[in-house]
């Protein structure tokens, strides 16, 4: 096998050791992710075993899942009380760019991500852009935040020109690690490789929703070693 096509498991490559997971759905019982505290604690133990250092809990906030910041903070406090391990845990949110987000942005009712609290993790539909996508992203910047776009490799409507425009605007991009192993589709995998090669990603996350998903799509998945080397440079 030619060197440029060699693969390794994600865990076996060592790329997870010392890593921060910038996107996961481990906060129990609040969205389509983990449902109970036992599974949350199981996954946090697995994160420790794989060498993670920090985890950002990023539950959905959208019109269909209108979590309040107060309720999410209360649930997160319960997790921190129950967890006895060594990971550093943080709370943010994955915000759908919809009408509810616009209302909360205007009200300042937000859960930012990053130690400086200066980024907002945002997403869109996989299939169609929200009305005035570019205007919404500029509104986030005008409000004093850096948009961090979750899993851009999964948006079927985006073109290479769109990715260039995001980069030029200063929108930061977050890679879903499972995409590189083909967890979603061949197209998502190809787009993730393209964005890695272009140097457009700044952050990486697992987008974990289930214990089994973490094992299959993050720990055991095989990825090109060339991509793993690039992924290791991301925060």
C-alpha atoms as a PDB file:
ATOM      1  CA  UNK A   1       0.000   0.000   0.000  1.00  0.00           C
ATOM      2  CA  UNK A   2       1.338   3.412  -0.942  1.00  0.00           C
ATOM      3  CA  UNK A   3       2.298   5.604   2.044  1.00  0.00           C
ATOM      4  CA  UNK A   4      -0.203   8.332   1.145  1.00  0.00           C
ATOM      5  CA  UNK A   5      -3.089   5.855   1.359  1.00  0.00           C
ATOM      6  CA  UNK A   6      -2.185   4.202   4.655  1.00  0.00           C
ATOM      7  CA  UNK A   7      -4.852   4.294   7.349  1.00  0.00           C
ATOM      8  CA  UNK A   8      -4.920   4.069  11.140  1.00  0.00           C
ATOM      9  CA  UNK A   9      -7.702   3.952  13.669  1.00  0.00           C
ATOM     10  CA  UNK A  10      -8.448   7.364  15.105  1.00  0.00           C
ATOM     11  CA  UNK A  11      -7.688   6.223  18.649  1.00  0.00           C
ATOM     12  CA  UNK A  12      -4.611   4.279  17.574  1.00  0.00           C
ATOM     13  CA  UNK A  13      -3.137   7.353  15.909  1.00  0.00           C
ATOM     14  CA  UNK A  14      -2.908   9.165  19.265  1.00  0.00           C
ATOM     15  CA  UNK A  15      -4.766  12.200  17.942  1.00  0.00           C
ATOM     16  CA  UNK A  16      -7.283  12.020  20.804  1.00  0.00           C
ATOM     17  CA  UNK A  17      -4.675  12.182  23.543  1.00  0.00           C
ATOM     18  CA  UNK A  18      -4.727  15.626  25.112  1.00  0.00           C
ATOM     19  CA  UNK A  19      -7.603  16.652  22.840  1.00  0.00           C
ATOM     20  CA  UNK A  20     -10.601  18.851  23.501  1.00  0.00           C
ATOM     21  CA  UNK A  21     -13.999  17.739  22.209  1.00  0.00           C
ATOM     22  CA  UNK A  22     -15.614  20.969  21.024  1.00  0.00           C
ATOM     23  CA  UNK A  23     -18.955  19.431  20.075  1.00  0.00           C
ATOM     24  CA  UNK A  24     -20.899  16.617  21.725  1.00  0.00           C
ATOM     25  CA  UNK A  25     -24.353  15.813  23.028  1.00  0.00           C
ATOM     26  CA  UNK A  26     -23.461  14.279  26.399  1.00  0.00           C
ATOM     27  CA  UNK A  27     -25.751  16.458  28.524  1.00  0.00           C
ATOM     28  CA  UNK A  28     -28.397  13.889  29.454  1.00  0.00           C
ATOM     29  CA  UNK A  29     -32.057  14.116  28.621  1.00  0.00           C
ATOM     30  CA  UNK A  30     -32.134  17.507  26.919  1.00  0.00           C
ATOM     31  CA  UNK A  31     -32.026  16.769  23.169  1.00  0.00           C
ATOM     32  CA  UNK A  32     -31.479  13.895  20.715  1.00  0.00           C
ATOM     33  CA  UNK A  33     -28.247  12.886  22.423  1.00  0.00           C
ATOM     34  CA  UNK A  34     -27.530  10.954  25.621  1.00  0.00           C
ATOM     35  CA  UNK A  35     -30.703  10.174  27.545  1.00  0.00           C
ATOM     36  CA  UNK A  36     -29.573   9.373  31.089  1.00  0.00           C
ATOM     37  CA  UNK A  37     -26.825  10.245  33.542  1.00  0.00           C
ATOM     38  CA  UNK A  38     -25.422   6.691  33.594  1.00  0.00           C
ATOM     39  CA  UNK A  39     -24.546   6.855  29.898  1.00  0.00           C
ATOM     40  CA  UNK A  40     -23.068  10.335  30.318  1.00  0.00           C
ATOM     41  CA  UNK A  41     -20.753   9.075  33.038  1.00  0.00           C
ATOM     42  CA  UNK A  42     -19.885   5.978  30.997  1.00  0.00           C
ATOM     43  CA  UNK A  43     -18.863   8.150  28.074  1.00  0.00           C
ATOM     44  CA  UNK A  44     -16.843  10.503  30.232  1.00  0.00           C
ATOM     45  CA  UNK A  45     -14.893   7.512  31.547  1.00  0.00           C
ATOM     46  CA  UNK A  46     -14.281   6.392  27.960  1.00  0.00           C
ATOM     47  CA  UNK A  47     -13.115   9.903  27.081  1.00  0.00           C
ATOM     48  CA  UNK A  48     -10.618   9.682  29.925  1.00  0.00           C
ATOM     49  CA  UNK A  49      -9.391   6.283  28.711  1.00  0.00           C
ATOM     50  CA  UNK A  50      -8.847   7.643  25.192  1.00  0.00           C
ATOM     51  CA  UNK A  51      -6.854  10.562  26.563  1.00  0.00           C
ATOM     52  CA  UNK A  52      -9.173  13.534  26.135  1.00  0.00           C
ATOM     53  CA  UNK A  53      -8.418  16.527  28.344  1.00  0.00           C
ATOM     54  CA  UNK A  54     -11.514  18.740  27.990  1.00  0.00           C
ATOM     55  CA  UNK A  55     -15.107  18.324  26.841  1.00  0.00           C
ATOM     56  CA  UNK A  56     -17.570  20.984  25.750  1.00  0.00           C
ATOM     57  CA  UNK A  57     -21.187  19.922  26.188  1.00  0.00           C
ATOM     58  CA  UNK A  58     -23.093  21.496  23.282  1.00  0.00           C
ATOM     59  CA  UNK A  59     -26.802  20.609  23.488  1.00  0.00           C
ATOM     60  CA  UNK A  60     -29.122  21.732  20.728  1.00  0.00           C
ATOM     61  CA  UNK A  61     -31.048  24.971  20.963  1.00  0.00           C
ATOM     62  CA  UNK A  62     -33.562  25.366  18.143  1.00  0.00           C
ATOM     63  CA  UNK A  63     -37.237  25.987  17.564  1.00  0.00           C
ATOM     64  CA  UNK A  64     -37.943  22.243  17.774  1.00  0.00           C
ATOM     65  CA  UNK A  65     -35.781  21.861  20.920  1.00  0.00           C
ATOM     66  CA  UNK A  66     -36.166  25.212  22.703  1.00  0.00           C
ATOM     67  CA  UNK A  67     -33.841  24.544  25.630  1.00  0.00           C
ATOM     68  CA  UNK A  68     -33.422  27.515  27.931  1.00  0.00           C
ATOM     69  CA  UNK A  69     -30.002  28.573  29.097  1.00  0.00           C
ATOM     70  CA  UNK A  70     -31.116  28.350  32.727  1.00  0.00           C
ATOM     71  CA  UNK A  71     -32.347  24.755  32.367  1.00  0.00           C
ATOM     72  CA  UNK A  72     -29.181  23.684  30.578  1.00  0.00           C
ATOM     73  CA  UNK A  73     -26.988  25.252  33.253  1.00  0.00           C
ATOM     74  CA  UNK A  74     -28.972  23.452  35.950  1.00  0.00           C
ATOM     75  CA  UNK A  75     -28.618  20.089  34.190  1.00  0.00           C
ATOM     76  CA  UNK A  76     -24.910  20.681  33.629  1.00  0.00           C
ATOM     77  CA  UNK A  77     -24.472  21.387  37.341  1.00  0.00           C
ATOM     78  CA  UNK A  78     -25.997  17.962  38.047  1.00  0.00           C
ATOM     79  CA  UNK A  79     -23.459  16.311  35.753  1.00  0.00           C
ATOM     80  CA  UNK A  80     -20.559  18.099  37.412  1.00  0.00           C
ATOM     81  CA  UNK A  81     -21.835  17.010  40.823  1.00  0.00           C
ATOM     82  CA  UNK A  82     -22.062  13.377  39.674  1.00  0.00           C
ATOM     83  CA  UNK A  83     -18.762  13.241  37.772  1.00  0.00           C
ATOM     84  CA  UNK A  84     -15.657  12.377  39.765  1.00  0.00           C
ATOM     85  CA  UNK A  85     -13.067  12.101  37.000  1.00  0.00           C
ATOM     86  CA  UNK A  86     -10.289  14.341  35.774  1.00  0.00           C
ATOM     87  CA  UNK A  87     -11.727  15.844  32.604  1.00  0.00           C
ATOM     88  CA  UNK A  88     -12.379  19.570  32.461  1.00  0.00           C
ATOM     89  CA  UNK A  89     -16.048  20.014  31.570  1.00  0.00           C
ATOM     90  CA  UNK A  90     -17.618  23.074  29.952  1.00  0.00           C
ATOM     91  CA  UNK A  91     -21.108  24.055  28.841  1.00  0.00           C
ATOM     92  CA  UNK A  92     -22.040  25.810  25.601  1.00  0.00           C
ATOM     93  CA  UNK A  93     -24.753  25.137  23.010  1.00  0.00           C
ATOM     94  CA  UNK A  94     -25.183  24.229  19.364  1.00  0.00           C
ATOM     95  CA  UNK A  95     -27.455  26.960  18.021  1.00  0.00           C
ATOM     96  CA  UNK A  96     -29.609  26.414  14.953  1.00  0.00           C
ATOM     97  CA  UNK A  97     -29.674  29.555  12.823  1.00  0.00           C
ATOM     98  CA  UNK A  98     -33.429  30.084  13.049  1.00  0.00           C
ATOM     99  CA  UNK A  99     -35.875  32.653  14.400  1.00  0.00           C
ATOM    100  CA  UNK A 100     -35.359  31.525  18.001  1.00  0.00           C
ATOM    101  CA  UNK A 101     -31.624  32.116  17.643  1.00  0.00           C
ATOM    102  CA  UNK A 102     -32.189  35.605  16.275  1.00  0.00           C
ATOM    103  CA  UNK A 103     -34.391  36.409  19.276  1.00  0.00           C
ATOM    104  CA  UNK A 104     -31.840  35.102  21.770  1.00  0.00           C
ATOM    105  CA  UNK A 105     -28.954  36.821  20.035  1.00  0.00           C
ATOM    106  CA  UNK A 106     -30.797  40.128  20.302  1.00  0.00           C
ATOM    107  CA  UNK A 107     -31.564  39.440  23.981  1.00  0.00           C
ATOM    108  CA  UNK A 108     -28.025  38.258  24.771  1.00  0.00           C
ATOM    109  CA  UNK A 109     -29.468  34.999  26.077  1.00  0.00           C
ATOM    110  CA  UNK A 110     -26.644  32.747  24.910  1.00  0.00           C
ATOM    111  CA  UNK A 111     -24.204  30.010  25.896  1.00  0.00           C
ATOM    112  CA  UNK A 112     -20.937  30.915  24.144  1.00  0.00           C
ATOM    113  CA  UNK A 113     -18.094  28.485  23.547  1.00  0.00           C
ATOM    114  CA  UNK A 114     -14.375  28.934  24.185  1.00  0.00           C
ATOM    115  CA  UNK A 115     -12.433  30.023  27.247  1.00  0.00           C
ATOM    116  CA  UNK A 116     -12.820  33.674  26.269  1.00  0.00           C
ATOM    117  CA  UNK A 117     -16.555  33.246  25.730  1.00  0.00           C
ATOM    118  CA  UNK A 118     -16.236  34.921  22.350  1.00  0.00           C
ATOM    119  CA  UNK A 119     -17.562  32.234  19.974  1.00  0.00           C
ATOM    120  CA  UNK A 120     -21.002  30.838  19.199  1.00  0.00           C
ATOM    121  CA  UNK A 121     -21.309  27.293  17.864  1.00  0.00           C
ATOM    122  CA  UNK A 122     -23.959  27.422  15.140  1.00  0.00           C
ATOM    123  CA  UNK A 123     -25.492  25.054  12.608  1.00  0.00           C
ATOM    124  CA  UNK A 124     -28.004  25.018   9.773  1.00  0.00           C
ATOM    125  CA  UNK A 125     -30.173  22.423   8.093  1.00  0.00           C
ATOM    126  CA  UNK A 126     -28.115  19.851   6.224  1.00  0.00           C
ATOM    127  CA  UNK A 127     -30.167  20.399   3.097  1.00  0.00           C
ATOM    128  CA  UNK A 128     -30.920  24.105   2.710  1.00  0.00           C
ATOM    129  CA  UNK A 129     -29.390  27.346   3.893  1.00  0.00           C
ATOM    130  CA  UNK A 130     -31.411  29.511   6.277  1.00  0.00           C
ATOM    131  CA  UNK A 131     -32.852  32.715   4.921  1.00  0.00           C
ATOM    132  CA  UNK A 132     -30.032  35.293   4.757  1.00  0.00           C
ATOM    133  CA  UNK A 133     -27.301  32.957   6.009  1.00  0.00           C
ATOM    134  CA  UNK A 134     -24.578  35.491   5.359  1.00  0.00           C
ATOM    135  CA  UNK A 135     -26.507  38.246   7.088  1.00  0.00           C
ATOM    136  CA  UNK A 136     -26.993  36.054  10.161  1.00  0.00           C
ATOM    137  CA  UNK A 137     -23.287  35.327  10.329  1.00  0.00           C
ATOM    138  CA  UNK A 138     -22.521  39.039  10.081  1.00  0.00           C
ATOM    139  CA  UNK A 139     -25.057  39.720  12.858  1.00  0.00           C
ATOM    140  CA  UNK A 140     -23.138  37.348  15.112  1.00  0.00           C
ATOM    141  CA  UNK A 141     -19.924  39.206  14.358  1.00  0.00           C
ATOM    142  CA  UNK A 142     -21.600  42.563  14.930  1.00  0.00           C
ATOM    143  CA  UNK A 143     -22.743  41.296  18.342  1.00  0.00           C
ATOM    144  CA  UNK A 144     -19.096  40.698  19.234  1.00  0.00           C
ATOM    145  CA  UNK A 145     -18.838  36.940  18.668  1.00  0.00           C
ATOM    146  CA  UNK A 146     -16.924  34.748  16.255  1.00  0.00           C
ATOM    147  CA  UNK A 147     -19.270  32.308  14.485  1.00  0.00           C
ATOM    148  CA  UNK A 148     -18.033  28.714  14.812  1.00  0.00           C
ATOM    149  CA  UNK A 149     -19.867  26.689  12.183  1.00  0.00           C
ATOM    150  CA  UNK A 150     -20.463  23.081  13.211  1.00  0.00           C
ATOM    151  CA  UNK A 151     -19.786  20.243  10.750  1.00  0.00           C
ATOM    152  CA  UNK A 152     -19.673  22.245   7.494  1.00  0.00           C
ATOM    153  CA  UNK A 153     -18.768  19.051   5.650  1.00  0.00           C
ATOM    154  CA  UNK A 154     -22.341  17.816   6.176  1.00  0.00           C
ATOM    155  CA  UNK A 155     -24.135  20.698   4.456  1.00  0.00           C
ATOM    156  CA  UNK A 156     -25.234  19.413   1.072  1.00  0.00           C
ATOM    157  CA  UNK A 157     -26.050  22.881  -0.245  1.00  0.00           C
ATOM    158  CA  UNK A 158     -22.557  24.277   0.292  1.00  0.00           C
ATOM    159  CA  UNK A 159     -20.063  24.585  -2.545  1.00  0.00           C
ATOM    160  CA  UNK A 160     -16.322  25.181  -2.544  1.00  0.00           C
ATOM    161  CA  UNK A 161     -17.111  28.838  -3.217  1.00  0.00           C
ATOM    162  CA  UNK A 162     -19.241  28.916  -0.065  1.00  0.00           C
ATOM    163  CA  UNK A 163     -16.355  27.499   1.965  1.00  0.00           C
ATOM    164  CA  UNK A 164     -14.040  30.145   0.502  1.00  0.00           C
ATOM    165  CA  UNK A 165     -16.517  32.861   1.435  1.00  0.00           C
ATOM    166  CA  UNK A 166     -16.826  31.547   5.006  1.00  0.00           C
ATOM    167  CA  UNK A 167     -13.057  31.560   5.342  1.00  0.00           C
ATOM    168  CA  UNK A 168     -12.766  35.073   3.948  1.00  0.00           C
ATOM    169  CA  UNK A 169     -15.455  36.291   6.383  1.00  0.00           C
ATOM    170  CA  UNK A 170     -13.521  34.909   9.342  1.00  0.00           C
ATOM    171  CA  UNK A 171     -16.112  32.259  10.172  1.00  0.00           C
ATOM    172  CA  UNK A 172     -14.403  29.448  12.066  1.00  0.00           C
ATOM    173  CA  UNK A 173     -15.158  25.853  11.110  1.00  0.00           C
ATOM    174  CA  UNK A 174     -15.475  22.765  13.327  1.00  0.00           C
ATOM    175  CA  UNK A 175     -14.726  19.329  11.918  1.00  0.00           C
ATOM    176  CA  UNK A 176     -16.875  16.379  12.914  1.00  0.00           C
ATOM    177  CA  UNK A 177     -14.191  13.724  13.399  1.00  0.00           C
ATOM    178  CA  UNK A 178     -16.474  10.818  12.330  1.00  0.00           C
ATOM    179  CA  UNK A 179     -16.821  12.366   8.861  1.00  0.00           C
ATOM    180  CA  UNK A 180     -13.235  11.382   8.037  1.00  0.00           C
ATOM    181  CA  UNK A 181     -14.069   7.745   8.694  1.00  0.00           C
ATOM    182  CA  UNK A 182     -17.103   7.862   6.417  1.00  0.00           C
ATOM    183  CA  UNK A 183     -19.685   7.829   9.213  1.00  0.00           C
ATOM    184  CA  UNK A 184     -22.138  10.065   7.351  1.00  0.00           C
ATOM    185  CA  UNK A 185     -21.636   9.672   3.608  1.00  0.00           C
ATOM    186  CA  UNK A 186     -18.885   9.497   0.990  1.00  0.00           C
ATOM    187  CA  UNK A 187     -19.676  13.108   0.103  1.00  0.00           C
ATOM    188  CA  UNK A 188     -19.216  14.326   3.680  1.00  0.00           C
ATOM    189  CA  UNK A 189     -15.943  12.430   3.888  1.00  0.00           C
ATOM    190  CA  UNK A 190     -14.669  14.013   0.680  1.00  0.00           C
ATOM    191  CA  UNK A 191     -15.701  17.506   1.813  1.00  0.00           C
ATOM    192  CA  UNK A 192     -14.005  16.992   5.192  1.00  0.00           C
ATOM    193  CA  UNK A 193     -10.781  15.953   3.480  1.00  0.00           C
ATOM    194  CA  UNK A 194     -11.001  18.979   1.186  1.00  0.00           C
ATOM    195  CA  UNK A 195     -11.522  21.405   4.076  1.00  0.00           C
ATOM    196  CA  UNK A 196      -8.644  19.843   6.026  1.00  0.00           C
ATOM    197  CA  UNK A 197      -6.319  20.149   3.055  1.00  0.00           C
ATOM    198  CA  UNK A 198      -7.346  23.783   2.547  1.00  0.00           C
ATOM    199  CA  UNK A 199      -6.613  24.558   6.189  1.00  0.00           C
ATOM    200  CA  UNK A 200     -10.123  25.873   6.751  1.00  0.00           C
ATOM    201  CA  UNK A 201     -10.882  23.991   9.975  1.00  0.00           C
ATOM    202  CA  UNK A 202      -9.885  25.439  13.356  1.00  0.00           C
ATOM    203  CA  UNK A 203     -11.562  23.036  15.796  1.00  0.00           C
ATOM    204  CA  UNK A 204     -12.555  19.386  15.993  1.00  0.00           C
ATOM    205  CA  UNK A 205     -15.360  17.567  17.802  1.00  0.00           C
ATOM    206  CA  UNK A 206     -16.963  14.154  17.961  1.00  0.00           C
ATOM    207  CA  UNK A 207     -20.652  15.170  17.828  1.00  0.00           C
ATOM    208  CA  UNK A 208     -21.225  12.114  20.015  1.00  0.00           C
ATOM    209  CA  UNK A 209     -24.874  11.201  20.621  1.00  0.00           C
ATOM    210  CA  UNK A 210     -24.549   7.553  21.777  1.00  0.00           C
ATOM    211  CA  UNK A 211     -22.043   5.302  23.545  1.00  0.00           C
ATOM    212  CA  UNK A 212     -22.024   2.940  20.562  1.00  0.00           C
ATOM    213  CA  UNK A 213     -21.525   5.827  18.157  1.00  0.00           C
ATOM    214  CA  UNK A 214     -18.440   6.975  20.039  1.00  0.00           C
ATOM    215  CA  UNK A 215     -16.894   3.521  19.871  1.00  0.00           C
ATOM    216  CA  UNK A 216     -17.617   2.928  16.191  1.00  0.00           C
ATOM    217  CA  UNK A 217     -17.236   6.378  14.658  1.00  0.00           C
ATOM    218  CA  UNK A 218     -14.531   7.890  16.862  1.00  0.00           C
ATOM    219  CA  UNK A 219     -12.443   5.167  18.498  1.00  0.00           C
ATOM    220  CA  UNK A 220     -12.458   2.358  15.941  1.00  0.00           C
ATOM    221  CA  UNK A 221     -12.885   4.230  12.636  1.00  0.00           C
ATOM    222  CA  UNK A 222      -9.989   4.102  10.185  1.00  0.00           C
ATOM    223  CA  UNK A 223      -8.781   7.337   8.604  1.00  0.00           C
ATOM    224  CA  UNK A 224      -5.988   8.209   6.195  1.00  0.00           C
ATOM    225  CA  UNK A 225      -2.813   8.947   8.115  1.00  0.00           C
ATOM    226  CA  UNK A 226      -2.336  12.126   6.092  1.00  0.00           C
ATOM    227  CA  UNK A 227      -5.707  13.379   7.372  1.00  0.00           C
ATOM    228  CA  UNK A 228      -4.916  12.346  10.938  1.00  0.00           C
ATOM    229  CA  UNK A 229      -1.743  14.436  10.833  1.00  0.00           C
ATOM    230  CA  UNK A 230      -3.711  17.462   9.692  1.00  0.00           C
ATOM    231  CA  UNK A 231      -6.433  16.832  12.279  1.00  0.00           C
ATOM    232  CA  UNK A 232      -3.791  16.776  15.033  1.00  0.00           C
ATOM    233  CA  UNK A 233      -3.068  20.453  14.306  1.00  0.00           C
ATOM    234  CA  UNK A 234      -6.648  21.501  15.150  1.00  0.00           C
ATOM    235  CA  UNK A 235      -7.696  22.716  18.568  1.00  0.00           C
END
